[in-house]
Amino acid sequence: MTYLTMMATALVVAAPAAARAEVLGSDAAACAARQPSIEVELEGFKDRKGEVKLELYPATAEDFLKDDRDLIKEGKLFRRVHVPTPPSGPVSMCIRVPGPGRYALLATHNRDGKNKFSIWQDGAGLSSNAKLGASKPKVTAAIVEVGNGVTRVPIRLQYLRGLGGFGPIGN
């Protein structure tokens, strides 16, 4: 083994692994067991107040963002996972799904501590990371295709930014 090869090997071994967030939420065991689930890496927080929430909907325009009580009453899919917003560091959450398939996923940052979305204070994000703008997002921007294991999805949160509607902080 040459000196350069030994030095390169030593650097790779000594280099710290990329910091990976602890997977949070009541469904974290599903991601750990590699069951059909979605692991969401959240970024772009305005601050670290309140709680972070993931909501899973049927992947149809009719059902996306429909009241959870109505979906449940109709026997349709709805799932919610929420955790207190971690004070610092990367944020990764898990939400389990019934099985492989197409789902619509919404992430929200509930900053004001109330259990109702406030367009004036709270943030939201979808799997496409497209700018949300000023109107209700379309289901196509929220679709996640889930296979037999864990599907990883990065979501950049967006907050109200004046008349232009929602957008990421700093952009």
N, C-alpha and C. Protein backbone atom coordinates (compact mmCIF):
# COMPACT_ATOMS: atom_id res chain seq x y z
N MET A 1 0.86 -1.18 0.00
CA MET A 1 0.00 0.00 0.00
C MET A 1 0.90 1.23 0.00
N THR A 2 0.61 2.15 -0.89
CA THR A 2 1.43 3.36 -0.97
C THR A 2 1.09 4.29 0.17
N TYR A 3 1.98 5.24 0.39
CA TYR A 3 1.78 6.23 1.43
C TYR A 3 0.49 7.03 1.19
N LEU A 4 0.24 7.44 -0.07
CA LEU A 4 -0.97 8.21 -0.39
C LEU A 4 -2.23 7.40 -0.13
N THR A 5 -2.22 6.12 -0.48
CA THR A 5 -3.38 5.27 -0.24
C THR A 5 -3.65 5.13 1.25
N MET A 6 -2.58 4.95 2.04
CA MET A 6 -2.75 4.82 3.49
C MET A 6 -3.31 6.11 4.09
N MET A 7 -2.82 7.27 3.62
CA MET A 7 -3.30 8.54 4.14
C MET A 7 -4.78 8.76 3.78
N ALA A 8 -5.15 8.42 2.54
CA ALA A 8 -6.54 8.58 2.12
C ALA A 8 -7.45 7.67 2.94
N THR A 9 -7.03 6.44 3.19
CA THR A 9 -7.81 5.50 4.00
C THR A 9 -7.96 6.03 5.42
N ALA A 10 -6.88 6.54 5.98
CA ALA A 10 -6.92 7.07 7.34
C ALA A 10 -7.87 8.25 7.43
N LEU A 11 -7.89 9.13 6.42
CA LEU A 11 -8.79 10.27 6.44
C LEU A 11 -10.24 9.84 6.37
N VAL A 12 -10.53 8.84 5.55
CA VAL A 12 -11.91 8.36 5.43
C VAL A 12 -12.36 7.75 6.75
N VAL A 13 -11.51 6.95 7.38
CA VAL A 13 -11.86 6.31 8.65
C VAL A 13 -12.01 7.35 9.75
N ALA A 14 -11.15 8.38 9.74
CA ALA A 14 -11.16 9.37 10.81
C ALA A 14 -12.24 10.43 10.61
N ALA A 15 -12.75 10.60 9.39
CA ALA A 15 -13.75 11.63 9.12
C ALA A 15 -15.04 11.31 9.86
N PRO A 16 -15.64 12.31 10.50
CA PRO A 16 -16.90 12.05 11.21
C PRO A 16 -18.02 11.78 10.22
N ALA A 17 -18.92 10.92 10.61
CA ALA A 17 -20.09 10.63 9.76
C ALA A 17 -20.96 11.87 9.72
N ALA A 18 -21.65 12.06 8.62
CA ALA A 18 -22.56 13.20 8.50
C ALA A 18 -23.57 13.15 9.64
N ALA A 19 -23.80 14.31 10.23
CA ALA A 19 -24.75 14.37 11.34
C ALA A 19 -26.13 13.97 10.83
N ARG A 20 -26.74 13.04 11.49
CA ARG A 20 -28.07 12.56 11.10
C ARG A 20 -28.98 12.77 12.29
N ALA A 21 -30.11 13.34 12.01
CA ALA A 21 -31.06 13.64 13.07
C ALA A 21 -31.71 12.37 13.60
N GLU A 22 -32.00 12.38 14.88
CA GLU A 22 -32.82 11.32 15.46
C GLU A 22 -34.20 11.43 14.82
N VAL A 23 -34.76 10.30 14.43
CA VAL A 23 -36.08 10.31 13.81
C VAL A 23 -37.12 10.44 14.93
N LEU A 24 -37.95 11.47 14.82
CA LEU A 24 -38.91 11.81 15.87
C LEU A 24 -40.32 11.38 15.50
N GLY A 25 -41.18 11.35 16.50
CA GLY A 25 -42.59 11.09 16.30
C GLY A 25 -43.02 9.72 16.77
N SER A 26 -44.32 9.59 16.96
CA SER A 26 -44.88 8.33 17.46
C SER A 26 -44.74 7.19 16.47
N ASP A 27 -44.42 7.49 15.21
CA ASP A 27 -44.24 6.45 14.19
C ASP A 27 -42.77 6.14 13.90
N ALA A 28 -41.85 6.65 14.71
CA ALA A 28 -40.42 6.46 14.47
C ALA A 28 -40.04 4.99 14.35
N ALA A 29 -40.71 4.12 15.08
CA ALA A 29 -40.40 2.68 15.03
C ALA A 29 -40.66 2.10 13.64
N ALA A 30 -41.63 2.65 12.91
CA ALA A 30 -41.91 2.16 11.55
C ALA A 30 -40.74 2.45 10.63
N CYS A 31 -40.15 3.63 10.75
CA CYS A 31 -38.97 3.95 9.94
C CYS A 31 -37.78 3.09 10.36
N ALA A 32 -37.60 2.91 11.67
CA ALA A 32 -36.48 2.09 12.15
C ALA A 32 -36.59 0.65 11.67
N ALA A 33 -37.81 0.14 11.58
CA ALA A 33 -38.05 -1.24 11.14
C ALA A 33 -38.14 -1.35 9.61
N ARG A 34 -37.98 -0.22 8.93
CA ARG A 34 -38.03 -0.18 7.46
C ARG A 34 -39.36 -0.66 6.90
N GLN A 35 -40.42 -0.37 7.64
CA GLN A 35 -41.77 -0.66 7.17
C GLN A 35 -42.20 0.46 6.22
N PRO A 36 -43.27 0.26 5.44
CA PRO A 36 -43.73 1.35 4.58
C PRO A 36 -44.00 2.60 5.41
N SER A 37 -43.22 3.63 5.14
CA SER A 37 -43.30 4.87 5.92
C SER A 37 -42.60 5.98 5.15
N ILE A 38 -42.78 7.19 5.64
CA ILE A 38 -42.13 8.35 5.05
C ILE A 38 -41.31 9.02 6.14
N GLU A 39 -40.02 9.19 5.88
CA GLU A 39 -39.15 9.92 6.79
C GLU A 39 -38.95 11.31 6.18
N VAL A 40 -39.38 12.32 6.90
CA VAL A 40 -39.33 13.69 6.40
C VAL A 40 -38.22 14.44 7.10
N GLU A 41 -37.33 15.02 6.30
CA GLU A 41 -36.27 15.87 6.82
C GLU A 41 -36.73 17.30 6.63
N LEU A 42 -37.05 17.97 7.73
CA LEU A 42 -37.59 19.34 7.69
C LEU A 42 -36.47 20.35 7.82
N GLU A 43 -36.56 21.41 7.03
CA GLU A 43 -35.58 22.48 7.10
C GLU A 43 -36.27 23.81 6.83
N GLY A 44 -35.53 24.90 7.06
CA GLY A 44 -36.07 26.22 6.78
C GLY A 44 -36.95 26.80 7.87
N PHE A 45 -36.74 26.39 9.11
CA PHE A 45 -37.56 26.89 10.22
C PHE A 45 -37.37 28.39 10.40
N LYS A 46 -38.47 29.08 10.64
CA LYS A 46 -38.43 30.50 10.96
C LYS A 46 -37.86 30.69 12.37
N ASP A 47 -38.24 29.80 13.26
CA ASP A 47 -37.76 29.78 14.64
C ASP A 47 -38.04 28.39 15.18
N ARG A 48 -37.79 28.17 16.45
CA ARG A 48 -37.97 26.84 17.04
C ARG A 48 -39.06 26.84 18.10
N LYS A 49 -40.12 27.57 17.87
CA LYS A 49 -41.27 27.60 18.78
C LYS A 49 -42.27 26.51 18.39
N GLY A 50 -43.20 26.20 19.30
CA GLY A 50 -44.36 25.37 19.01
C GLY A 50 -44.09 23.92 18.70
N GLU A 51 -44.79 23.41 17.68
CA GLU A 51 -44.66 22.01 17.31
C GLU A 51 -44.62 21.84 15.80
N VAL A 52 -44.12 20.68 15.39
CA VAL A 52 -44.07 20.32 13.98
C VAL A 52 -45.02 19.16 13.78
N LYS A 53 -45.75 19.20 12.65
CA LYS A 53 -46.79 18.20 12.42
C LYS A 53 -46.69 17.68 10.98
N LEU A 54 -46.89 16.37 10.83
CA LEU A 54 -47.05 15.75 9.51
C LEU A 54 -48.47 15.23 9.42
N GLU A 55 -49.11 15.44 8.26
CA GLU A 55 -50.45 14.92 8.03
C GLU A 55 -50.46 14.17 6.70
N LEU A 56 -51.04 12.98 6.74
CA LEU A 56 -51.11 12.10 5.58
C LEU A 56 -52.55 12.03 5.10
N TYR A 57 -52.75 12.25 3.80
CA TYR A 57 -54.07 12.27 3.18
C TYR A 57 -54.11 11.31 1.99
N PRO A 58 -55.32 10.95 1.56
CA PRO A 58 -55.42 10.24 0.28
C PRO A 58 -54.88 11.16 -0.83
N ALA A 59 -54.32 10.58 -1.86
CA ALA A 59 -53.72 11.36 -2.94
C ALA A 59 -54.75 11.75 -4.00
N THR A 60 -55.83 12.39 -3.54
CA THR A 60 -56.86 12.87 -4.46
C THR A 60 -57.14 14.34 -4.17
N ALA A 61 -57.50 15.08 -5.22
CA ALA A 61 -57.82 16.50 -5.05
C ALA A 61 -59.00 16.68 -4.10
N GLU A 62 -59.97 15.77 -4.16
CA GLU A 62 -61.16 15.86 -3.33
C GLU A 62 -60.83 15.73 -1.83
N ASP A 63 -59.85 14.89 -1.50
CA ASP A 63 -59.57 14.58 -0.10
C ASP A 63 -58.39 15.35 0.50
N PHE A 64 -57.53 15.92 -0.32
CA PHE A 64 -56.36 16.61 0.19
C PHE A 64 -56.78 17.85 0.98
N LEU A 65 -56.32 17.95 2.20
CA LEU A 65 -56.60 19.03 3.16
C LEU A 65 -58.04 19.06 3.65
N LYS A 66 -58.78 17.99 3.40
CA LYS A 66 -60.15 17.89 3.90
C LYS A 66 -60.10 17.70 5.43
N ASP A 67 -61.10 18.13 6.12
CA ASP A 67 -61.16 17.99 7.57
C ASP A 67 -60.96 16.54 7.97
N ASP A 68 -60.09 16.31 8.94
CA ASP A 68 -59.77 14.94 9.35
C ASP A 68 -61.00 14.19 9.86
N ARG A 69 -61.91 14.89 10.54
CA ARG A 69 -63.11 14.21 11.04
C ARG A 69 -63.97 13.68 9.89
N ASP A 70 -64.05 14.45 8.80
CA ASP A 70 -64.82 13.99 7.64
C ASP A 70 -64.16 12.79 6.98
N LEU A 71 -62.85 12.85 6.82
CA LEU A 71 -62.14 11.72 6.21
C LEU A 71 -62.34 10.44 7.02
N ILE A 72 -62.20 10.55 8.32
CA ILE A 72 -62.35 9.38 9.20
C ILE A 72 -63.79 8.86 9.15
N LYS A 73 -64.76 9.78 9.19
CA LYS A 73 -66.17 9.39 9.13
C LYS A 73 -66.47 8.64 7.82
N GLU A 74 -65.80 9.05 6.74
CA GLU A 74 -66.01 8.42 5.43
C GLU A 74 -65.16 7.15 5.25
N GLY A 75 -64.40 6.79 6.28
CA GLY A 75 -63.57 5.59 6.21
C GLY A 75 -62.33 5.75 5.34
N LYS A 76 -61.89 7.00 5.17
CA LYS A 76 -60.72 7.28 4.32
C LYS A 76 -59.48 7.48 5.19
N LEU A 77 -58.37 7.36 4.54
CA LEU A 77 -57.08 7.51 5.22
C LEU A 77 -56.90 8.92 5.77
N PHE A 78 -56.44 9.00 7.00
CA PHE A 78 -55.92 10.23 7.56
C PHE A 78 -55.01 9.84 8.71
N ARG A 79 -53.84 10.43 8.76
CA ARG A 79 -52.90 10.14 9.84
C ARG A 79 -52.16 11.43 10.19
N ARG A 80 -51.91 11.62 11.47
CA ARG A 80 -51.20 12.81 11.95
C ARG A 80 -50.15 12.39 12.98
N VAL A 81 -48.98 13.01 12.86
CA VAL A 81 -47.91 12.82 13.83
C VAL A 81 -47.38 14.21 14.17
N HIS A 82 -47.22 14.50 15.45
CA HIS A 82 -46.69 15.81 15.83
C HIS A 82 -45.72 15.66 16.99
N VAL A 83 -44.76 16.59 17.03
CA VAL A 83 -43.75 16.62 18.09
C VAL A 83 -43.45 18.07 18.42
N PRO A 84 -42.99 18.33 19.65
CA PRO A 84 -42.51 19.68 19.95
C PRO A 84 -41.33 20.00 19.02
N THR A 85 -41.27 21.22 18.56
CA THR A 85 -40.17 21.62 17.68
C THR A 85 -38.86 21.53 18.45
N PRO A 86 -37.89 20.74 17.96
CA PRO A 86 -36.60 20.65 18.65
C PRO A 86 -35.93 22.02 18.70
N PRO A 87 -35.24 22.33 19.81
CA PRO A 87 -34.66 23.66 19.97
C PRO A 87 -33.52 23.97 18.99
N SER A 88 -32.89 22.94 18.43
CA SER A 88 -31.79 23.17 17.49
C SER A 88 -31.52 21.88 16.71
N GLY A 89 -30.68 22.00 15.72
CA GLY A 89 -30.23 20.84 14.95
C GLY A 89 -31.21 20.40 13.88
N PRO A 90 -30.83 19.35 13.15
CA PRO A 90 -31.70 18.84 12.09
C PRO A 90 -32.95 18.20 12.67
N VAL A 91 -34.04 18.26 11.90
CA VAL A 91 -35.31 17.70 12.35
C VAL A 91 -35.77 16.66 11.32
N SER A 92 -35.92 15.44 11.79
CA SER A 92 -36.38 14.34 10.95
C SER A 92 -37.54 13.66 11.67
N MET A 93 -38.66 13.47 10.93
CA MET A 93 -39.85 12.85 11.50
C MET A 93 -40.28 11.68 10.63
N CYS A 94 -41.00 10.75 11.25
CA CYS A 94 -41.50 9.59 10.53
C CYS A 94 -43.01 9.52 10.64
N ILE A 95 -43.64 9.13 9.53
CA ILE A 95 -45.08 8.85 9.54
C ILE A 95 -45.27 7.54 8.78
N ARG A 96 -45.96 6.60 9.41
CA ARG A 96 -46.17 5.31 8.74
C ARG A 96 -47.34 5.42 7.79
N VAL A 97 -47.32 4.54 6.79
CA VAL A 97 -48.40 4.50 5.80
C VAL A 97 -48.97 3.09 5.80
N PRO A 98 -50.21 2.91 5.31
CA PRO A 98 -50.82 1.58 5.34
C PRO A 98 -50.10 0.53 4.49
N GLY A 99 -49.39 0.98 3.47
CA GLY A 99 -48.67 0.08 2.58
C GLY A 99 -48.12 0.86 1.42
N PRO A 100 -47.43 0.20 0.51
CA PRO A 100 -46.92 0.90 -0.66
C PRO A 100 -48.05 1.59 -1.41
N GLY A 101 -47.77 2.75 -1.99
CA GLY A 101 -48.78 3.46 -2.74
C GLY A 101 -48.50 4.95 -2.82
N ARG A 102 -49.50 5.69 -3.29
CA ARG A 102 -49.42 7.15 -3.44
C ARG A 102 -50.20 7.82 -2.31
N TYR A 103 -49.56 8.80 -1.70
CA TYR A 103 -50.17 9.53 -0.60
C TYR A 103 -49.90 11.02 -0.79
N ALA A 104 -50.69 11.85 -0.12
CA ALA A 104 -50.46 13.29 -0.09
C ALA A 104 -49.98 13.63 1.33
N LEU A 105 -48.91 14.40 1.41
CA LEU A 105 -48.28 14.70 2.70
C LEU A 105 -48.14 16.20 2.89
N LEU A 106 -48.53 16.67 4.06
CA LEU A 106 -48.40 18.07 4.44
C LEU A 106 -47.59 18.15 5.72
N ALA A 107 -46.62 19.06 5.74
CA ALA A 107 -45.87 19.34 6.97
C ALA A 107 -46.22 20.76 7.41
N THR A 108 -46.43 20.95 8.70
CA THR A 108 -46.70 22.29 9.22
C THR A 108 -45.85 22.56 10.45
N HIS A 109 -45.53 23.83 10.63
CA HIS A 109 -44.84 24.31 11.83
C HIS A 109 -45.83 25.21 12.56
N ASN A 110 -46.44 24.66 13.60
CA ASN A 110 -47.45 25.35 14.39
C ASN A 110 -46.72 26.18 15.44
N ARG A 111 -46.45 27.44 15.12
CA ARG A 111 -45.64 28.29 15.98
C ARG A 111 -46.40 28.88 17.16
N ASP A 112 -47.72 29.06 17.02
CA ASP A 112 -48.46 29.79 18.04
C ASP A 112 -49.05 28.92 19.15
N GLY A 113 -48.85 27.62 19.08
CA GLY A 113 -49.31 26.73 20.14
C GLY A 113 -50.78 26.36 20.08
N LYS A 114 -51.50 26.90 19.10
CA LYS A 114 -52.91 26.54 18.95
C LYS A 114 -53.00 25.39 17.95
N ASN A 115 -54.03 24.60 18.04
CA ASN A 115 -54.15 23.44 17.16
C ASN A 115 -54.93 23.78 15.89
N LYS A 116 -54.72 24.97 15.38
CA LYS A 116 -55.37 25.40 14.14
C LYS A 116 -54.34 26.20 13.35
N PHE A 117 -54.24 25.92 12.06
CA PHE A 117 -53.25 26.59 11.23
C PHE A 117 -53.55 28.08 11.11
N SER A 118 -52.56 28.91 11.39
CA SER A 118 -52.67 30.36 11.27
C SER A 118 -51.80 30.81 10.10
N ILE A 119 -52.43 31.32 9.04
CA ILE A 119 -51.62 31.77 7.90
C ILE A 119 -50.70 32.92 8.29
N TRP A 120 -51.01 33.63 9.35
CA TRP A 120 -50.23 34.79 9.77
C TRP A 120 -48.96 34.40 10.50
N GLN A 121 -48.96 33.21 11.14
CA GLN A 121 -47.81 32.85 11.96
C GLN A 121 -47.15 31.53 11.59
N ASP A 122 -47.93 30.56 11.16
CA ASP A 122 -47.42 29.20 11.00
C ASP A 122 -46.80 28.97 9.62
N GLY A 123 -45.99 27.92 9.54
CA GLY A 123 -45.34 27.56 8.29
C GLY A 123 -45.88 26.24 7.77
N ALA A 124 -45.67 25.99 6.49
CA ALA A 124 -46.13 24.76 5.86
C ALA A 124 -45.16 24.36 4.76
N GLY A 125 -45.22 23.08 4.39
CA GLY A 125 -44.38 22.60 3.30
C GLY A 125 -44.95 21.33 2.71
N LEU A 126 -44.62 21.11 1.43
CA LEU A 126 -45.07 19.93 0.70
C LEU A 126 -43.86 19.21 0.12
N SER A 127 -44.06 17.97 -0.28
CA SER A 127 -42.95 17.15 -0.76
C SER A 127 -42.30 17.71 -2.02
N SER A 128 -43.02 18.44 -2.85
CA SER A 128 -42.43 18.99 -4.08
C SER A 128 -41.52 20.18 -3.80
N ASN A 129 -41.68 20.81 -2.65
CA ASN A 129 -40.95 22.02 -2.27
C ASN A 129 -41.20 23.19 -3.22
N ALA A 130 -42.26 23.11 -4.00
CA ALA A 130 -42.64 24.24 -4.85
C ALA A 130 -43.15 25.36 -3.96
N LYS A 131 -42.95 26.61 -4.41
CA LYS A 131 -43.44 27.75 -3.64
C LYS A 131 -44.96 27.65 -3.50
N LEU A 132 -45.44 27.80 -2.28
CA LEU A 132 -46.88 27.66 -2.03
C LEU A 132 -47.69 28.83 -2.55
N GLY A 133 -47.15 30.02 -2.52
CA GLY A 133 -47.89 31.18 -3.02
C GLY A 133 -49.04 31.57 -2.13
N ALA A 134 -50.10 32.12 -2.74
CA ALA A 134 -51.21 32.68 -1.97
C ALA A 134 -52.48 31.83 -2.01
N SER A 135 -52.49 30.75 -2.78
CA SER A 135 -53.71 29.95 -2.86
C SER A 135 -53.50 28.56 -2.27
N LYS A 136 -54.61 27.86 -2.08
CA LYS A 136 -54.54 26.49 -1.54
C LYS A 136 -53.68 25.63 -2.47
N PRO A 137 -52.74 24.88 -1.90
CA PRO A 137 -51.87 24.06 -2.75
C PRO A 137 -52.64 22.92 -3.43
N LYS A 138 -52.15 22.53 -4.57
CA LYS A 138 -52.74 21.42 -5.31
C LYS A 138 -52.18 20.10 -4.79
N VAL A 139 -52.98 19.06 -4.85
CA VAL A 139 -52.58 17.75 -4.37
C VAL A 139 -51.34 17.25 -5.09
N THR A 140 -51.17 17.60 -6.36
CA THR A 140 -50.02 17.12 -7.12
C THR A 140 -48.69 17.57 -6.51
N ALA A 141 -48.69 18.69 -5.80
CA ALA A 141 -47.47 19.18 -5.15
C ALA A 141 -47.16 18.43 -3.86
N ALA A 142 -48.11 17.63 -3.39
CA ALA A 142 -47.96 16.94 -2.11
C ALA A 142 -47.80 15.43 -2.25
N ILE A 143 -47.82 14.92 -3.47
CA ILE A 143 -47.79 13.46 -3.69
C ILE A 143 -46.42 12.87 -3.31
N VAL A 144 -46.49 11.74 -2.61
CA VAL A 144 -45.31 10.96 -2.29
C VAL A 144 -45.60 9.51 -2.70
N GLU A 145 -44.71 8.95 -3.48
CA GLU A 145 -44.80 7.53 -3.87
C GLU A 145 -44.01 6.73 -2.85
N VAL A 146 -44.67 5.81 -2.16
CA VAL A 146 -44.02 5.02 -1.11
C VAL A 146 -43.92 3.57 -1.56
N GLY A 147 -42.73 3.01 -1.38
CA GLY A 147 -42.51 1.61 -1.72
C GLY A 147 -42.67 0.72 -0.50
N ASN A 148 -41.96 -0.41 -0.49
CA ASN A 148 -42.07 -1.37 0.61
C ASN A 148 -41.33 -0.94 1.87
N GLY A 149 -40.45 0.04 1.77
CA GLY A 149 -39.67 0.46 2.92
C GLY A 149 -39.89 1.92 3.24
N VAL A 150 -38.81 2.56 3.66
CA VAL A 150 -38.85 3.97 4.06
C VAL A 150 -38.56 4.85 2.83
N THR A 151 -39.43 5.81 2.61
CA THR A 151 -39.22 6.80 1.56
C THR A 151 -38.79 8.09 2.24
N ARG A 152 -37.62 8.60 1.86
CA ARG A 152 -37.10 9.83 2.49
C ARG A 152 -37.48 11.03 1.62
N VAL A 153 -37.99 12.06 2.29
CA VAL A 153 -38.47 13.26 1.61
C VAL A 153 -37.97 14.49 2.35
N PRO A 154 -37.20 15.36 1.67
CA PRO A 154 -36.84 16.64 2.30
C PRO A 154 -37.95 17.65 2.06
N ILE A 155 -38.34 18.37 3.09
CA ILE A 155 -39.36 19.42 2.94
C ILE A 155 -38.81 20.71 3.54
N ARG A 156 -38.84 21.77 2.73
CA ARG A 156 -38.44 23.10 3.18
C ARG A 156 -39.72 23.85 3.56
N LEU A 157 -39.79 24.26 4.82
CA LEU A 157 -40.96 24.98 5.32
C LEU A 157 -41.04 26.37 4.71
N GLN A 158 -42.27 26.86 4.56
CA GLN A 158 -42.52 28.17 3.99
C GLN A 158 -43.48 28.94 4.91
N TYR A 159 -43.30 30.27 4.91
CA TYR A 159 -44.08 31.14 5.79
C TYR A 159 -44.63 32.31 4.96
N LEU A 160 -45.69 32.94 5.46
CA LEU A 160 -46.29 34.08 4.77
C LEU A 160 -45.24 35.18 4.61
N ARG A 161 -45.15 35.67 3.37
CA ARG A 161 -44.15 36.70 3.05
C ARG A 161 -44.81 37.85 2.31
N GLY A 162 -45.79 38.44 2.92
CA GLY A 162 -46.46 39.60 2.31
C GLY A 162 -47.51 39.19 1.29
N LEU A 163 -47.74 40.05 0.31
CA LEU A 163 -48.80 39.82 -0.67
C LEU A 163 -48.51 38.66 -1.61
N GLY A 164 -47.27 38.26 -1.72
CA GLY A 164 -46.89 37.16 -2.61
C GLY A 164 -47.23 35.79 -2.07
N GLY A 165 -47.75 35.75 -0.87
CA GLY A 165 -48.12 34.47 -0.27
C GLY A 165 -46.96 33.83 0.45
N PHE A 166 -47.00 32.51 0.50
CA PHE A 166 -46.01 31.74 1.24
C PHE A 166 -44.77 31.51 0.40
N GLY A 167 -43.64 31.48 1.09
CA GLY A 167 -42.37 31.17 0.45
C GLY A 167 -41.36 30.81 1.51
N PRO A 168 -40.23 30.21 1.10
CA PRO A 168 -39.20 29.87 2.07
C PRO A 168 -38.55 31.13 2.65
N ILE A 169 -38.08 31.00 3.86
CA ILE A 169 -37.37 32.10 4.52
C ILE A 169 -36.02 32.27 3.83
N GLY A 170 -35.65 33.52 3.59
CA GLY A 170 -34.33 33.79 3.03
C GLY A 170 -34.24 33.67 1.51
N ASN A 171 -35.33 33.37 0.85
CA ASN A 171 -35.30 33.29 -0.62
C ASN A 171 -36.29 34.25 -1.22
